[in-house]
Amino acid sequence: MRDELGLNYTTDSSECVQLFCDALDHYLASSVQVMPTLEKLFERDPAMPMALLFRAYLLKQAADPRFRAAIYQCFDTLSARPDLNDREQRHLKALSLWQADQMTDAVAVLDDIVISYPGDMLALRIAHHLHFYSGDGKQMLASLQVALENQEPKNRYYGFLKGMHSFALEESGRYPQAEAAGLEALDINQKDIWAAHAVTHVYQMQSRFEEAIPFIDSLLPEWDSANNFVFHLYWHKALQHIGLGNPDQALAVYDKTLVEPLADDFYLDVCNAASLLWRLELSGLNVGDRWSQLHELSKNHIQDDELVFTSLHYLMAPAILGDTKTVKAGLDHFHRWSNEKTSQGAVAKRVGVTMATALTKLASEQKNDGVKLMLSVQNQIYRIGGSHAQRHLFDQLINAYA
């Protein structure tokens, strides 16, 4: 079966192809309807290869070791299939590399898929995610080039492509072009929260805080079906308040919008909360006992080895609260991780161990030592991935305690 962009799928059901495309729409819009739509698809064809690959990608993207068994199950089922077409075989190769935590090799395969199949938005968006967590904005931009050259505005996913283009431009420091691309994407589809996120980043990087807050507020009604990513936009709203010199209002945003989602135990919610609390403390605000709300979540994930970026954030609450046992477990884990022959193991070795140690000292009475350690890797911090705005916390810590 073939979709409207000419991509082939191993399935006997045109309805399943349509459901796959619908699920992809939901995914690109960060909608909670992704998994329910995939489940409808699996009721009709439980072995559709691209659907199984999609599910495995989503589980891996959650950056949670608890999902590894389910990912392996998808992989094993697909590996036993002799009838995969060329595109599906390449996706299986990418999945095999990613599940082995070889992110650099996995994204290379995904980029090659897009070169051969410029309409493959799943490959493009997963590659976008992996480039994001490599911290390489220019490569993220290059990854989109073939699709931009081959997709037309009339295509189903063109708006989402422009939203991705906007974010890649922003992370490459090309702010006027990023803003234009993001607004173009939102003209096509105001539910494109990734495009809105990209424009919000432009405002943040250009210190246009007064524009950012009403911009976010104006789009909130469009995101009533968005998943937890919407809380990251609230996090950005809080940053704008800090930029305006209103940390009390940022704390109000935290209490109203960022505490409740912590119950979902999703890494990005913890990263939002931990990094915002530390920023608020740097602004001179007393955050009370709010760190304790993150403590148990952090303890449960202190030895996760999915992303160095997230593991550093899991270390923050225990370090701030002086939980020496958990801090030691986290640091010991970073040292073990740095010896693993994986993409993130290499990041842990290059900067992760030093940054983790620096954070624990900055949270204690050894701030001078913490600053020296963070300065020693400052020009390599981009390797942990995340955005410029997210990583700015580490520069703020250096400046605050130097």
Foldseek 3Di string as FASTA:
>chain_A
DADPLGDDWPDPDPVLVVLQVVLVVCVQLQFPCNVVSLVVSCVVPVLTLVSLLLVLLVLLLLLDPVCLVVNVVSLVSVVPDPDDDPLSVLSSVLSVCVSVQALVVSLVSLLVSCLVVVVPVVSLVSNLSSVQQQLDLVVNLVSLVNNVVPDDPVDPCVLSSLLSNLQSCVLVVNLVSSLVSLVVSCVVPLSSVSSLVSNLSSCVVVLVLVVNQVSLVVSVVSPPRHDPVNLVSLLSNLVSCVSVVNNVVSLVSCVVRLLVCVVVLGLVSLLSNQLSVVVSVLSVDDSDPVLVSLLVSLLVCLLRQSALSSNLSSLQSCLLVVVVVSLVVNLVSLVVLCPDPHLRVVVSVLQSNLQSVLSSCLSDVNNVSSLVSCVVCVVPVSSRGDGPVSVVSSVSSNVSRD
